Protein backbone atom coordinates (compact mmCIF):
# COMPACT_ATOMS: atom_id res chain seq x y z
CA MET A 1 143.82 -18.87 160.30
CA GLY A 2 146.15 -17.10 158.08
CA ALA A 3 147.76 -20.00 156.57
CA ARG A 4 144.34 -21.50 155.74
CA LYS A 5 143.29 -18.18 154.04
CA VAL A 6 146.42 -18.21 151.88
CA ILE A 7 146.11 -21.93 151.11
CA ALA A 8 142.37 -21.60 150.05
CA GLU A 9 143.09 -18.49 148.02
CA ARG A 10 146.09 -19.82 146.12
CA GLY A 11 145.96 -23.46 146.31
CA VAL A 12 148.49 -25.97 147.91
CA ALA A 13 151.06 -25.75 145.04
CA LYS A 14 150.95 -22.02 144.84
CA ALA A 15 151.03 -21.15 148.46
CA THR A 16 154.59 -20.10 149.68
CA ALA A 17 156.08 -20.11 153.08
CA ARG A 18 156.66 -16.48 152.85
CA ASP A 19 152.99 -15.80 151.82
CA ILE A 20 151.70 -18.07 154.68
CA ALA A 21 154.14 -16.45 157.23
CA SER A 22 153.11 -13.01 156.21
CA ALA A 23 149.23 -13.87 156.41
CA ALA A 24 150.00 -15.29 159.83
CA GLY A 25 151.89 -12.62 161.08
CA VAL A 26 155.04 -14.63 161.83
CA SER A 27 158.41 -15.19 160.51
CA LEU A 28 159.48 -17.87 158.16
CA ALA A 29 161.76 -19.27 161.07
CA ALA A 30 158.46 -19.64 163.10
CA ILE A 31 156.99 -22.09 160.52
CA GLY A 32 160.24 -24.24 160.47
CA TYR A 33 160.25 -24.23 164.35
CA HIS A 34 156.70 -24.88 164.83
CA PHE A 35 155.73 -27.11 162.20
CA GLY A 36 159.10 -28.49 160.75
CA SER A 37 158.23 -27.59 157.29
CA LYS A 38 155.74 -25.67 155.08
CA GLU A 39 154.07 -29.19 153.97
CA GLN A 40 153.62 -29.76 157.62
CA LEU A 41 152.02 -26.38 158.36
CA ILE A 42 149.74 -26.97 155.27
CA THR A 43 148.75 -30.47 156.32
CA GLU A 44 148.01 -29.19 159.91
CA ALA A 45 146.05 -26.13 158.62
CA LEU A 46 143.81 -27.97 156.29
CA THR A 47 143.05 -30.75 158.76
CA ASP A 48 142.36 -28.24 161.53
CA GLY A 49 140.30 -25.86 159.32
CA LEU A 50 138.21 -28.49 157.60
CA GLY A 51 137.89 -30.47 160.68
CA THR A 52 136.48 -27.62 162.52
CA ALA A 53 134.29 -26.24 159.73
CA ILE A 54 132.88 -29.63 158.40
CA GLY A 55 133.33 -31.23 162.03
CA ASP A 56 131.33 -28.64 163.66
CA SER A 57 128.51 -28.88 161.00
CA ILE A 58 128.25 -32.34 161.05
CA GLU A 59 128.13 -32.43 165.03
CA ALA A 60 125.15 -29.78 164.62
CA LEU A 61 123.18 -31.75 162.29
CA ILE A 62 123.83 -35.22 164.35
CA ARG A 63 122.25 -33.09 167.49
CA GLN A 64 119.47 -31.86 165.19
CA GLY A 65 118.65 -35.52 164.73
CA ALA A 66 117.97 -36.23 168.42
CA GLY A 67 114.43 -37.46 168.84
CA SER A 68 114.25 -39.00 165.50
CA THR A 69 115.41 -42.60 164.67
CA PRO A 70 119.13 -42.96 163.99
CA LEU A 71 118.44 -44.20 160.35
CA ALA A 72 115.89 -41.18 160.00
CA ALA A 73 118.65 -38.80 161.39
CA PHE A 74 121.13 -40.37 159.15
CA ALA A 75 119.20 -39.50 156.09
CA ALA A 76 118.64 -35.83 157.10
CA LEU A 77 122.30 -35.53 157.94
CA TRP A 78 123.30 -36.83 154.31
CA ASN A 79 120.47 -34.76 152.81
CA SER A 80 121.91 -31.41 154.52
CA MET A 81 125.67 -32.23 153.69
CA PRO A 82 125.93 -30.83 150.23
CA ALA A 83 125.26 -27.57 151.69
CA VAL A 84 128.12 -27.80 153.96
CA PHE A 85 130.37 -29.03 151.10
CA THR A 86 129.36 -25.98 149.07
CA ASP A 87 129.92 -23.58 152.03
CA ASN A 88 133.44 -25.04 152.36
CA ARG A 89 134.13 -25.35 148.50
CA ASP A 90 137.57 -23.42 148.72
CA SER A 91 138.77 -25.44 151.46
CA MET A 92 137.54 -28.77 150.06
CA LEU A 93 139.52 -27.86 146.82
CA ALA A 94 142.61 -27.23 148.70
CA SER A 95 142.09 -30.46 150.77
CA VAL A 96 141.67 -32.53 147.62
CA GLU A 97 144.86 -30.79 145.92
CA ASN A 98 146.67 -31.94 149.20
CA LEU A 99 145.55 -35.48 149.21
CA VAL A 100 148.23 -36.23 146.56
CA ARG A 101 150.95 -34.45 148.55
CA VAL A 102 149.97 -36.28 151.81
CA ALA A 103 150.00 -39.79 150.13
CA ARG A 104 153.57 -38.98 149.18
CA SER A 105 154.89 -37.72 152.59
CA PRO A 106 155.27 -40.48 155.52
CA GLU A 107 155.07 -37.47 157.97
CA SER A 108 151.81 -36.21 156.90
CA GLN A 109 150.22 -39.78 156.76
CA LYS A 110 151.36 -40.39 160.11
CA PHE A 111 149.61 -37.11 161.30
CA PHE A 112 146.44 -37.94 159.56
CA ALA A 113 146.44 -41.55 161.15
CA GLU A 114 146.96 -40.14 164.54
CA SER A 115 144.30 -37.67 164.05
CA LEU A 116 141.57 -39.99 163.00
CA PRO A 117 140.79 -41.56 166.53
CA GLY A 118 139.96 -37.93 167.72
CA ALA A 119 137.55 -37.40 164.68
CA TYR A 120 135.84 -40.77 165.28
CA ARG A 121 135.42 -39.94 169.04
CA ASP A 122 134.03 -36.58 168.59
CA MET A 123 131.40 -37.79 166.25
CA ALA A 124 130.69 -40.81 168.38
CA GLU A 125 130.10 -38.73 171.47
CA ALA A 126 127.79 -36.53 169.65
CA LEU A 127 125.87 -39.45 168.21
CA ARG A 128 125.57 -40.94 171.77
CA ALA A 129 124.28 -37.51 172.89
CA ALA A 130 121.69 -37.51 170.23
CA HIS A 131 120.78 -41.32 170.20
CA PRO A 132 121.36 -42.75 173.72
CA GLN A 133 120.05 -46.01 172.60
CA LEU A 134 123.35 -46.56 170.48
CA GLY A 135 125.83 -48.48 172.57
CA GLU A 136 129.50 -47.22 172.41
CA ASP A 137 130.57 -49.50 169.78
CA GLN A 138 127.72 -48.85 167.63
CA ALA A 139 128.18 -45.01 168.02
CA ASN A 140 131.85 -45.67 167.06
CA ALA A 141 130.86 -47.68 164.12
CA VAL A 142 128.51 -45.01 162.78
CA ALA A 143 131.00 -42.17 163.32
CA GLU A 144 133.56 -44.21 161.04
CA LEU A 145 130.93 -44.61 158.51
CA TYR A 146 130.19 -40.90 158.62
CA PHE A 147 133.88 -39.92 158.42
CA VAL A 148 134.37 -42.34 155.22
CA LEU A 149 131.44 -40.72 153.71
CA VAL A 150 132.28 -37.31 154.52
CA GLN A 151 135.72 -38.18 152.73
CA GLY A 152 134.13 -39.63 149.65
CA LEU A 153 131.15 -37.51 149.04
CA GLY A 154 133.20 -34.32 149.97
CA VAL A 155 135.79 -35.30 147.30
CA LEU A 156 133.11 -36.32 144.53
CA GLN A 157 131.22 -33.16 145.17
CA THR A 158 134.47 -30.99 144.93
CA ILE A 159 135.46 -32.64 141.67
CA ALA A 160 132.25 -33.22 140.17
CA PRO A 161 129.79 -30.55 141.67
CA GLU A 162 127.28 -31.06 138.84
CA ALA A 163 127.07 -34.96 139.41
CA LYS A 164 124.22 -36.53 140.80
CA LEU A 165 125.27 -38.06 143.95
CA PRO A 166 123.35 -40.31 146.32
CA ASP A 167 121.44 -38.22 148.82
CA GLY A 168 120.70 -38.92 152.41
CA ASP A 169 117.42 -40.92 151.50
CA ARG A 170 119.20 -43.12 149.09
CA LEU A 171 122.14 -43.83 151.43
CA ALA A 172 119.56 -44.65 154.32
CA GLU A 173 117.87 -47.27 151.97
CA ALA A 174 121.12 -48.64 151.25
CA VAL A 175 121.93 -49.12 154.88
CA ALA A 176 118.49 -50.60 155.68
CA SER A 177 118.81 -52.92 152.84
CA LEU A 178 122.08 -54.05 154.45
CA ALA A 179 120.69 -54.32 157.77
CA GLY A 180 117.71 -56.40 156.49
CA ALA A 181 120.22 -58.47 154.47
CA ASP A 182 122.05 -59.54 157.63
CA GLN A 183 119.46 -62.13 158.62
CA TRP A 184 119.80 -63.64 154.99
CA LEU A 185 123.51 -63.40 155.14
CA PHE A 186 123.89 -65.19 158.44
CA VAL A 187 121.76 -68.08 156.91
CA ALA A 188 123.58 -68.35 153.92
CA ASP A 189 126.92 -68.55 155.83
CA GLN A 190 125.62 -71.48 157.79
């Protein structure tokens, strides 16, 4: 928790290992022992912090959609996400700053790659609970779409908060259009 606070307040580049250790109430040596490096601590702190804050919000919104159609619940969730991103703006900003560092670190890339299945699984479980008519593979596919949309829209809202981004209704229209286009595409492919 202390590490996330320092990173959010100072940014990734200005957060020193000493500041993080002090805020967390541990020694500098403890960071090296438990995480291997300040960079790995930052990666794990941001992944855990945002994963918890945004992930818990998404799961709550998914559960609120129970009883409505999956597409209506999809629209409602994405209409609510701008507020989630705004509530987590400092952490989102630190995460955007961290993306370049992660892209240059094979160790951090590996950590993210290994974390993805758990993120998908948690969302898929919430989707299946809210929409039992979804098969396991369908829930997994929707969870993957949600995750990709969180990443893209979260970054866009963070770097361009005044931009007009697609809302849930617009995204649902796109998904419905693609679903309706399936029949046409299958005929065209034959």
